[in-house]
Structures are given as structure tokens and as C-alpha cells.
Amino acid sequence: MINKNILKIRKKLDKLDNHFLKLIKKRQNLVDQVLKNKKYKKDIIDKKRILVIIKSIRKKSVIKKIDPKVTKRIWSSMIKAFIDYERRNFRKK
């Protein structure tokens, strides 16, 4: 037997996922702009900036009552994915 409440919630999740995809596309466009301004492949990873981002996300998560372990994992994965994207799309000038 299918729980109708679960189906309704899953539809909402699907809709939210579509919004996430739009945001990821916007983020990718911004990453493309940053990548065009990097001269060397070694410039792709900025460890200090990554630490600042992760700390900031943690603080914001706590304020917004979101599990900081979840957001840290999401942001860490997203950062790693975009680092990989930059490496694959880096063009020497």
C-alpha cells in the first residue's frame, strides 16, 4: 500500500530538486567566469577560501537550525565537484 502523504512530500522534494538544478547551473556559470580569470592550473584550489566557506556554512547552518554535518558534507562535495570541473575545463592561455 502506498502512503499518499509520502507521495505528496516526494512531489515537493522533486520540485525542490528542480530548483537546486537551476541554482547549480547558475553556480557553474559563475565558476566558468572565475576559471576564465585563472592563469595557472595550480590556482584552481584555494585552501584558505575553502576553509572560510566551510566555517561560514557551519555558522549559518547553526543559526538556521540546519544540521551542520549535513551542510558541511553537501558543501564539501560541491566544492570537490567544482574543483574537478575546473580541472577538466581549464585552458592554458
PDB file of N, CA and C in Angstrom:
ATOM      1  N   MET A   1       0.841  -1.185   0.000  1.00  0.00           N
ATOM      2  CA  MET A   1       0.000   0.000   0.000  1.00  0.00           C
ATOM      3  C   MET A   1       0.887   1.249   0.000  1.00  0.00           C
ATOM      4  N   ILE A   2       0.543   2.198  -0.846  1.00  0.00           N
ATOM      5  CA  ILE A   2       1.311   3.431  -0.985  1.00  0.00           C
ATOM      6  C   ILE A   2       0.740   4.503  -0.064  1.00  0.00           C
ATOM      7  N   ASN A   3       1.621   5.119   0.677  1.00  0.00           N
ATOM      8  CA  ASN A   3       1.229   6.182   1.582  1.00  0.00           C
ATOM      9  C   ASN A   3       1.089   7.487   0.775  1.00  0.00           C
ATOM     10  N   LYS A   4      -0.125   8.031   0.717  1.00  0.00           N
ATOM     11  CA  LYS A   4      -0.390   9.232  -0.081  1.00  0.00           C
ATOM     12  C   LYS A   4       0.364  10.448   0.440  1.00  0.00           C
ATOM     13  N   ASN A   5       0.540  10.521   1.742  1.00  0.00           N
ATOM     14  CA  ASN A   5       1.297  11.637   2.318  1.00  0.00           C
ATOM     15  C   ASN A   5       2.752  11.621   1.847  1.00  0.00           C
ATOM     16  N   ILE A   6       3.326  10.432   1.805  1.00  0.00           N
ATOM     17  CA  ILE A   6       4.707  10.298   1.333  1.00  0.00           C
ATOM     18  C   ILE A   6       4.792  10.719  -0.133  1.00  0.00           C
ATOM     19  N   LEU A   7       3.829  10.323  -0.935  1.00  0.00           N
ATOM     20  CA  LEU A   7       3.826  10.706  -2.354  1.00  0.00           C
ATOM     21  C   LEU A   7       3.758  12.225  -2.529  1.00  0.00           C
ATOM     22  N   LYS A   8       2.935  12.881  -1.726  1.00  0.00           N
ATOM     23  CA  LYS A   8       2.823  14.346  -1.788  1.00  0.00           C
ATOM     24  C   LYS A   8       4.151  15.008  -1.421  1.00  0.00           C
ATOM     25  N   ILE A   9       4.756  14.498  -0.380  1.00  0.00           N
ATOM     26  CA  ILE A   9       6.038  15.050   0.070  1.00  0.00           C
ATOM     27  C   ILE A   9       7.108  14.819  -0.988  1.00  0.00           C
ATOM     28  N   ARG A  10       7.107  13.645  -1.597  1.00  0.00           N
ATOM     29  CA  ARG A  10       8.093  13.340  -2.636  1.00  0.00           C
ATOM     30  C   ARG A  10       7.932  14.260  -3.849  1.00  0.00           C
ATOM     31  N   LYS A  11       6.705  14.615  -4.183  1.00  0.00           N
ATOM     32  CA  LYS A  11       6.480  15.569  -5.278  1.00  0.00           C
ATOM     33  C   LYS A  11       7.096  16.918  -4.939  1.00  0.00           C
ATOM     34  N   LYS A  12       6.948  17.322  -3.693  1.00  0.00           N
ATOM     35  CA  LYS A  12       7.549  18.581  -3.242  1.00  0.00           C
ATOM     36  C   LYS A  12       9.079  18.500  -3.304  1.00  0.00           C
ATOM     37  N   LEU A  13       9.608  17.338  -2.918  1.00  0.00           N
ATOM     38  CA  LEU A  13      11.056  17.142  -2.998  1.00  0.00           C
ATOM     39  C   LEU A  13      11.538  17.206  -4.443  1.00  0.00           C
ATOM     40  N   ASP A  14      10.793  16.596  -5.346  1.00  0.00           N
ATOM     41  CA  ASP A  14      11.146  16.635  -6.771  1.00  0.00           C
ATOM     42  C   ASP A  14      11.156  18.066  -7.302  1.00  0.00           C
ATOM     43  N   LYS A  15      10.179  18.840  -6.890  1.00  0.00           N
ATOM     44  CA  LYS A  15      10.095  20.239  -7.305  1.00  0.00           C
ATOM     45  C   LYS A  15      11.292  21.029  -6.751  1.00  0.00           C
ATOM     46  N   LEU A  16      11.620  20.775  -5.509  1.00  0.00           N
ATOM     47  CA  LEU A  16      12.761  21.425  -4.888  1.00  0.00           C
ATOM     48  C   LEU A  16      14.064  21.031  -5.595  1.00  0.00           C
ATOM     49  N   ASP A  17      14.187  19.765  -5.960  1.00  0.00           N
ATOM     50  CA  ASP A  17      15.372  19.297  -6.696  1.00  0.00           C
ATOM     51  C   ASP A  17      15.531  20.060  -8.007  1.00  0.00           C
ATOM     52  N   ASN A  18      14.422  20.350  -8.674  1.00  0.00           N
ATOM     53  CA  ASN A  18      14.492  21.118  -9.918  1.00  0.00           C
ATOM     54  C   ASN A  18      15.019  22.531  -9.667  1.00  0.00           C
ATOM     55  N   HIS A  19      14.653  23.114  -8.537  1.00  0.00           N
ATOM     56  CA  HIS A  19      15.188  24.430  -8.161  1.00  0.00           C
ATOM     57  C   HIS A  19      16.694  24.334  -7.896  1.00  0.00           C
ATOM     58  N   PHE A  20      17.097  23.259  -7.233  1.00  0.00           N
ATOM     59  CA  PHE A  20      18.523  23.050  -6.978  1.00  0.00           C
ATOM     60  C   PHE A  20      19.305  22.983  -8.294  1.00  0.00           C
ATOM     61  N   LEU A  21      18.749  22.291  -9.269  1.00  0.00           N
ATOM     62  CA  LEU A  21      19.430  22.180 -10.562  1.00  0.00           C
ATOM     63  C   LEU A  21      19.618  23.544 -11.206  1.00  0.00           C
ATOM     64  N   LYS A  22      18.621  24.403 -11.108  1.00  0.00           N
ATOM     65  CA  LYS A  22      18.742  25.759 -11.651  1.00  0.00           C
ATOM     66  C   LYS A  22      19.845  26.534 -10.930  1.00  0.00           C
ATOM     67  N   LEU A  23      19.908  26.376  -9.617  1.00  0.00           N
ATOM     68  CA  LEU A  23      20.944  27.054  -8.835  1.00  0.00           C
ATOM     69  C   LEU A  23      22.336  26.511  -9.161  1.00  0.00           C
ATOM     70  N   ILE A  24      22.437  25.222  -9.354  1.00  0.00           N
ATOM     71  CA  ILE A  24      23.723  24.615  -9.703  1.00  0.00           C
ATOM     72  C   ILE A  24      24.187  25.127 -11.063  1.00  0.00           C
ATOM     73  N   LYS A  25      23.264  25.289 -11.998  1.00  0.00           N
ATOM     74  CA  LYS A  25      23.609  25.844 -13.304  1.00  0.00           C
ATOM     75  C   LYS A  25      24.125  27.276 -13.159  1.00  0.00           C
ATOM     76  N   LYS A  26      23.467  28.083 -12.333  1.00  0.00           N
ATOM     77  CA  LYS A  26      23.927  29.457 -12.089  1.00  0.00           C
ATOM     78  C   LYS A  26      25.319  29.444 -11.466  1.00  0.00           C
ATOM     79  N   ARG A  27      25.535  28.532 -10.540  1.00  0.00           N
ATOM     80  CA  ARG A  27      26.841  28.431  -9.887  1.00  0.00           C
ATOM     81  C   ARG A  27      27.901  28.025 -10.901  1.00  0.00           C
ATOM     82  N   GLN A  28      27.572  27.089 -11.764  1.00  0.00           N
ATOM     83  CA  GLN A  28      28.516  26.650 -12.790  1.00  0.00           C
ATOM     84  C   GLN A  28      28.891  27.810 -13.707  1.00  0.00           C
ATOM     85  N   ASN A  29      27.922  28.636 -14.067  1.00  0.00           N
ATOM     86  CA  ASN A  29      28.213  29.802 -14.905  1.00  0.00           C
ATOM     87  C   ASN A  29      29.184  30.753 -14.211  1.00  0.00           C
ATOM     88  N   LEU A  30      29.004  30.943 -12.913  1.00  0.00           N
ATOM     89  CA  LEU A  30      29.925  31.800 -12.163  1.00  0.00           C
ATOM     90  C   LEU A  30      31.316  31.166 -12.063  1.00  0.00           C
ATOM     91  N   VAL A  31      31.359  29.867 -11.861  1.00  0.00           N
ATOM     92  CA  VAL A  31      32.641  29.154 -11.818  1.00  0.00           C
ATOM     93  C   VAL A  31      33.349  29.296 -13.170  1.00  0.00           C
ATOM     94  N   ASP A  32      32.601  29.229 -14.262  1.00  0.00           N
ATOM     95  CA  ASP A  32      33.187  29.420 -15.590  1.00  0.00           C
ATOM     96  C   ASP A  32      33.839  30.799 -15.712  1.00  0.00           C
ATOM     97  N   GLN A  33      33.167  31.809 -15.163  1.00  0.00           N
ATOM     98  CA  GLN A  33      33.723  33.170 -15.212  1.00  0.00           C
ATOM     99  C   GLN A  33      35.013  33.267 -14.399  1.00  0.00           C
ATOM    100  N   VAL A  34      35.018  32.650 -13.230  1.00  0.00           N
ATOM    101  CA  VAL A  34      36.220  32.650 -12.394  1.00  0.00           C
ATOM    102  C   VAL A  34      37.339  31.907 -13.122  1.00  0.00           C
ATOM    103  N   LEU A  35      37.012  30.780 -13.701  1.00  0.00           N
ATOM    104  CA  LEU A  35      38.003  29.944 -14.383  1.00  0.00           C
ATOM    105  C   LEU A  35      38.679  30.707 -15.523  1.00  0.00           C
ATOM    106  N   LYS A  36      37.930  31.517 -16.225  1.00  0.00           N
ATOM    107  CA  LYS A  36      38.500  32.313 -17.321  1.00  0.00           C
ATOM    108  C   LYS A  36      39.561  33.286 -16.815  1.00  0.00           C
ATOM    109  N   ASN A  37      39.501  33.625 -15.540  1.00  0.00           N
ATOM    110  CA  ASN A  37      40.446  34.579 -14.965  1.00  0.00           C
ATOM    111  C   ASN A  37      41.625  33.922 -14.253  1.00  0.00           C
ATOM    112  N   LYS A  38      41.689  32.617 -14.269  1.00  0.00           N
ATOM    113  CA  LYS A  38      42.803  31.913 -13.642  1.00  0.00           C
ATOM    114  C   LYS A  38      43.866  31.637 -14.698  1.00  0.00           C
ATOM    115  N   LYS A  39      45.100  32.000 -14.354  1.00  0.00           N
ATOM    116  CA  LYS A  39      46.189  31.851 -15.322  1.00  0.00           C
ATOM    117  C   LYS A  39      46.817  30.466 -15.287  1.00  0.00           C
ATOM    118  N   TYR A  40      46.855  29.887 -14.082  1.00  0.00           N
ATOM    119  CA  TYR A  40      47.549  28.614 -13.920  1.00  0.00           C
ATOM    120  C   TYR A  40      46.632  27.588 -13.273  1.00  0.00           C
ATOM    121  N   LYS A  41      46.844  26.341 -13.648  1.00  0.00           N
ATOM    122  CA  LYS A  41      46.019  25.260 -13.107  1.00  0.00           C
ATOM    123  C   LYS A  41      46.153  25.165 -11.583  1.00  0.00           C
ATOM    124  N   LYS A  42      47.305  25.530 -11.066  1.00  0.00           N
ATOM    125  CA  LYS A  42      47.526  25.488  -9.611  1.00  0.00           C
ATOM    126  C   LYS A  42      46.649  26.497  -8.869  1.00  0.00           C
ATOM    127  N   ASP A  43      46.101  27.464  -9.593  1.00  0.00           N
ATOM    128  CA  ASP A  43      45.223  28.470  -8.984  1.00  0.00           C
ATOM    129  C   ASP A  43      43.808  27.939  -8.730  1.00  0.00           C
ATOM    130  N   ILE A  44      43.525  26.751  -9.203  1.00  0.00           N
ATOM    131  CA  ILE A  44      42.174  26.201  -9.068  1.00  0.00           C
ATOM    132  C   ILE A  44      41.795  25.985  -7.607  1.00  0.00           C
ATOM    133  N   ILE A  45      42.718  25.452  -6.815  1.00  0.00           N
ATOM    134  CA  ILE A  45      42.398  25.162  -5.404  1.00  0.00           C
ATOM    135  C   ILE A  45      42.932  26.279  -4.518  1.00  0.00           C
ATOM    136  N   ASP A  46      42.034  26.876  -3.734  1.00  0.00           N
ATOM    137  CA  ASP A  46      42.387  27.907  -2.756  1.00  0.00           C
ATOM    138  C   ASP A  46      41.945  27.378  -1.393  1.00  0.00           C
ATOM    139  N   LYS A  47      42.873  26.715  -0.720  1.00  0.00           N
ATOM    140  CA  LYS A  47      42.544  26.042   0.547  1.00  0.00           C
ATOM    141  C   LYS A  47      42.023  27.004   1.608  1.00  0.00           C
ATOM    142  N   LYS A  48      42.581  28.212   1.664  1.00  0.00           N
ATOM    143  CA  LYS A  48      42.114  29.190   2.652  1.00  0.00           C
ATOM    144  C   LYS A  48      40.661  29.556   2.392  1.00  0.00           C
ATOM    145  N   ARG A  49      40.329  29.790   1.123  1.00  0.00           N
ATOM    146  CA  ARG A  49      38.948  30.144   0.778  1.00  0.00           C
ATOM    147  C   ARG A  49      37.995  29.001   1.113  1.00  0.00           C
ATOM    148  N   ILE A  50      38.405  27.776   0.841  1.00  0.00           N
ATOM    149  CA  ILE A  50      37.564  26.613   1.147  1.00  0.00           C
ATOM    150  C   ILE A  50      37.277  26.552   2.647  1.00  0.00           C
ATOM    151  N   LEU A  51      38.298  26.767   3.472  1.00  0.00           N
ATOM    152  CA  LEU A  51      38.099  26.754   4.932  1.00  0.00           C
ATOM    153  C   LEU A  51      37.138  27.856   5.371  1.00  0.00           C
ATOM    154  N   VAL A  52      37.286  29.035   4.789  1.00  0.00           N
ATOM    155  CA  VAL A  52      36.402  30.154   5.117  1.00  0.00           C
ATOM    156  C   VAL A  52      34.957  29.808   4.755  1.00  0.00           C
ATOM    157  N   ILE A  53      34.769  29.215   3.580  1.00  0.00           N
ATOM    158  CA  ILE A  53      33.419  28.837   3.128  1.00  0.00           C
ATOM    159  C   ILE A  53      32.807  27.813   4.081  1.00  0.00           C
ATOM    160  N   ILE A  54      33.553  26.781   4.404  1.00  0.00           N
ATOM    161  CA  ILE A  54      33.036  25.712   5.271  1.00  0.00           C
ATOM    162  C   ILE A  54      32.695  26.254   6.662  1.00  0.00           C
ATOM    163  N   LYS A  55      33.547  27.117   7.212  1.00  0.00           N
ATOM    164  CA  LYS A  55      33.258  27.719   8.522  1.00  0.00           C
ATOM    165  C   LYS A  55      32.005  28.582   8.461  1.00  0.00           C
ATOM    166  N   SER A  56      31.889  29.356   7.400  1.00  0.00           N
ATOM    167  CA  SER A  56      30.727  30.228   7.227  1.00  0.00           C
ATOM    168  C   SER A  56      29.437  29.418   7.117  1.00  0.00           C
ATOM    169  N   ILE A  57      29.484  28.345   6.345  1.00  0.00           N
ATOM    170  CA  ILE A  57      28.306  27.485   6.173  1.00  0.00           C
ATOM    171  C   ILE A  57      27.920  26.859   7.507  1.00  0.00           C
ATOM    172  N   ARG A  58      28.912  26.478   8.282  1.00  0.00           N
ATOM    173  CA  ARG A  58      28.626  25.895   9.609  1.00  0.00           C
ATOM    174  C   ARG A  58      27.892  26.902  10.489  1.00  0.00           C
ATOM    175  N   LYS A  59      28.406  28.124  10.552  1.00  0.00           N
ATOM    176  CA  LYS A  59      27.783  29.160  11.378  1.00  0.00           C
ATOM    177  C   LYS A  59      26.351  29.435  10.913  1.00  0.00           C
ATOM    178  N   LYS A  60      26.182  29.585   9.621  1.00  0.00           N
ATOM    179  CA  LYS A  60      24.845  29.866   9.076  1.00  0.00           C
ATOM    180  C   LYS A  60      23.895  28.704   9.328  1.00  0.00           C
ATOM    181  N   SER A  61      24.414  27.497   9.248  1.00  0.00           N
ATOM    182  CA  SER A  61      23.590  26.310   9.490  1.00  0.00           C
ATOM    183  C   SER A  61      23.072  26.288  10.924  1.00  0.00           C
ATOM    184  N   VAL A  62      23.960  26.574  11.864  1.00  0.00           N
ATOM    185  CA  VAL A  62      23.566  26.586  13.277  1.00  0.00           C
ATOM    186  C   VAL A  62      22.498  27.653  13.510  1.00  0.00           C
ATOM    187  N   ILE A  63      22.704  28.844  12.940  1.00  0.00           N
ATOM    188  CA  ILE A  63      21.737  29.939  13.099  1.00  0.00           C
ATOM    189  C   ILE A  63      20.378  29.542  12.524  1.00  0.00           C
ATOM    190  N   LYS A  64      20.396  28.860  11.375  1.00  0.00           N
ATOM    191  CA  LYS A  64      19.144  28.487  10.704  1.00  0.00           C
ATOM    192  C   LYS A  64      18.589  27.141  11.173  1.00  0.00           C
ATOM    193  N   LYS A  65      19.253  26.578  12.197  1.00  0.00           N
ATOM    194  CA  LYS A  65      18.824  25.287  12.768  1.00  0.00           C
ATOM    195  C   LYS A  65      18.819  24.157  11.724  1.00  0.00           C
ATOM    196  N   ILE A  66      19.898  24.119  10.953  1.00  0.00           N
ATOM    197  CA  ILE A  66      20.124  23.041   9.990  1.00  0.00           C
ATOM    198  C   ILE A  66      21.300  22.226  10.524  1.00  0.00           C
ATOM    199  N   ASP A  67      21.208  20.928  10.412  1.00  0.00           N
ATOM    200  CA  ASP A  67      22.286  20.070  10.893  1.00  0.00           C
ATOM    201  C   ASP A  67      23.593  20.444  10.178  1.00  0.00           C
ATOM    202  N   PRO A  68      24.582  20.985  10.911  1.00  0.00           N
ATOM    203  CA  PRO A  68      25.817  21.424  10.268  1.00  0.00           C
ATOM    204  C   PRO A  68      26.630  20.298   9.630  1.00  0.00           C
ATOM    205  N   LYS A  69      26.451  19.084  10.114  1.00  0.00           N
ATOM    206  CA  LYS A  69      27.146  17.956   9.486  1.00  0.00           C
ATOM    207  C   LYS A  69      26.612  17.721   8.073  1.00  0.00           C
ATOM    208  N   VAL A  70      25.315  17.909   7.911  1.00  0.00           N
ATOM    209  CA  VAL A  70      24.702  17.732   6.590  1.00  0.00           C
ATOM    210  C   VAL A  70      25.208  18.807   5.630  1.00  0.00           C
ATOM    211  N   THR A  71      25.162  20.054   6.065  1.00  0.00           N
ATOM    212  CA  THR A  71      25.580  21.136   5.167  1.00  0.00           C
ATOM    213  C   THR A  71      27.079  21.071   4.872  1.00  0.00           C
ATOM    214  N   LYS A  72      27.873  20.685   5.864  1.00  0.00           N
ATOM    215  CA  LYS A  72      29.316  20.548   5.609  1.00  0.00           C
ATOM    216  C   LYS A  72      29.567  19.487   4.546  1.00  0.00           C
ATOM    217  N   ARG A  73      28.878  18.383   4.652  1.00  0.00           N
ATOM    218  CA  ARG A  73      29.060  17.317   3.677  1.00  0.00           C
ATOM    219  C   ARG A  73      28.610  17.759   2.284  1.00  0.00           C
ATOM    220  N   ILE A  74      27.487  18.460   2.213  1.00  0.00           N
ATOM    221  CA  ILE A  74      26.982  18.940   0.918  1.00  0.00           C
ATOM    222  C   ILE A  74      27.968  19.925   0.302  1.00  0.00           C
ATOM    223  N   TRP A  75      28.401  20.924   1.082  1.00  0.00           N
ATOM    224  CA  TRP A  75      29.312  21.933   0.531  1.00  0.00           C
ATOM    225  C   TRP A  75      30.666  21.340   0.182  1.00  0.00           C
ATOM    226  N   SER A  76      31.171  20.453   1.008  1.00  0.00           N
ATOM    227  CA  SER A  76      32.456  19.810   0.701  1.00  0.00           C
ATOM    228  C   SER A  76      32.368  19.032  -0.603  1.00  0.00           C
ATOM    229  N   SER A  77      31.273  18.311  -0.787  1.00  0.00           N
ATOM    230  CA  SER A  77      31.081  17.551  -2.026  1.00  0.00           C
ATOM    231  C   SER A  77      30.954  18.480  -3.227  1.00  0.00           C
ATOM    232  N   MET A  78      30.202  19.567  -3.051  1.00  0.00           N
ATOM    233  CA  MET A  78      30.009  20.510  -4.151  1.00  0.00           C
ATOM    234  C   MET A  78      31.338  21.168  -4.525  1.00  0.00           C
ATOM    235  N   ILE A  79      32.115  21.566  -3.526  1.00  0.00           N
ATOM    236  CA  ILE A  79      33.414  22.182  -3.788  1.00  0.00           C
ATOM    237  C   ILE A  79      34.316  21.204  -4.538  1.00  0.00           C
ATOM    238  N   LYS A  80      34.373  19.971  -4.088  1.00  0.00           N
ATOM    239  CA  LYS A  80      35.197  18.960  -4.760  1.00  0.00           C
ATOM    240  C   LYS A  80      34.729  18.745  -6.195  1.00  0.00           C
ATOM    241  N   ALA A  81      33.428  18.715  -6.399  1.00  0.00           N
ATOM    242  CA  ALA A  81      32.885  18.513  -7.742  1.00  0.00           C
ATOM    243  C   ALA A  81      33.265  19.667  -8.663  1.00  0.00           C
ATOM    244  N   PHE A  82      33.203  20.895  -8.154  1.00  0.00           N
ATOM    245  CA  PHE A  82      33.556  22.043  -8.986  1.00  0.00           C
ATOM    246  C   PHE A  82      35.069  22.173  -9.183  1.00  0.00           C
ATOM    247  N   ILE A  83      35.862  21.712  -8.244  1.00  0.00           N
ATOM    248  CA  ILE A  83      37.312  21.658  -8.453  1.00  0.00           C
ATOM    249  C   ILE A  83      37.600  20.707  -9.608  1.00  0.00           C
ATOM    250  N   ASP A  84      36.957  19.559  -9.596  1.00  0.00           N
ATOM    251  CA  ASP A  84      37.114  18.596 -10.688  1.00  0.00           C
ATOM    252  C   ASP A  84      36.650  19.218 -12.008  1.00  0.00           C
ATOM    253  N   TYR A  85      35.530  19.920 -11.976  1.00  0.00           N
ATOM    254  CA  TYR A  85      35.001  20.591 -13.171  1.00  0.00           C
ATOM    255  C   TYR A  85      36.022  21.605 -13.698  1.00  0.00           C
ATOM    256  N   GLU A  86      36.607  22.406 -12.797  1.00  0.00           N
ATOM    257  CA  GLU A  86      37.597  23.397 -13.221  1.00  0.00           C
ATOM    258  C   GLU A  86      38.823  22.725 -13.833  1.00  0.00           C
ATOM    259  N   ARG A  87      39.280  21.648 -13.230  1.00  0.00           N
ATOM    260  CA  ARG A  87      40.450  20.934 -13.769  1.00  0.00           C
ATOM    261  C   ARG A  87      40.163  20.415 -15.179  1.00  0.00           C
ATOM    262  N   ARG A  88      38.963  19.897 -15.373  1.00  0.00           N
ATOM    263  CA  ARG A  88      38.612  19.361 -16.691  1.00  0.00           C
ATOM    264  C   ARG A  88      38.423  20.447 -17.747  1.00  0.00           C
ATOM    265  N   ASN A  89      38.074  21.655 -17.300  1.00  0.00           N
ATOM    266  CA  ASN A  89      37.773  22.731 -18.237  1.00  0.00           C
ATOM    267  C   ASN A  89      38.825  23.832 -18.295  1.00  0.00           C
ATOM    268  N   PHE A  90      39.923  23.673 -17.567  1.00  0.00           N
ATOM    269  CA  PHE A  90      40.981  24.674 -17.576  1.00  0.00           C
ATOM    270  C   PHE A  90      41.660  24.711 -18.937  1.00  0.00           C
ATOM    271  N   ARG A  91      41.835  25.916 -19.453  1.00  0.00           N
ATOM    272  CA  ARG A  91      42.520  26.090 -20.730  1.00  0.00           C
ATOM    273  C   ARG A  91      43.730  26.980 -20.504  1.00  0.00           C
ATOM    274  N   LYS A  92      44.889  26.496 -20.923  1.00  0.00           N
ATOM    275  CA  LYS A  92      46.102  27.321 -20.819  1.00  0.00           C
ATOM    276  C   LYS A  92      45.981  28.499 -21.752  1.00  0.00           C
ATOM    277  N   LYS A  93      46.518  29.611 -21.312  1.00  0.00           N
ATOM    278  CA  LYS A  93      46.474  30.819 -22.143  1.00  0.00           C
ATOM    279  C   LYS A  93      47.785  31.004 -22.855  1.00  0.00           C
TER     280      LYS A  93
END
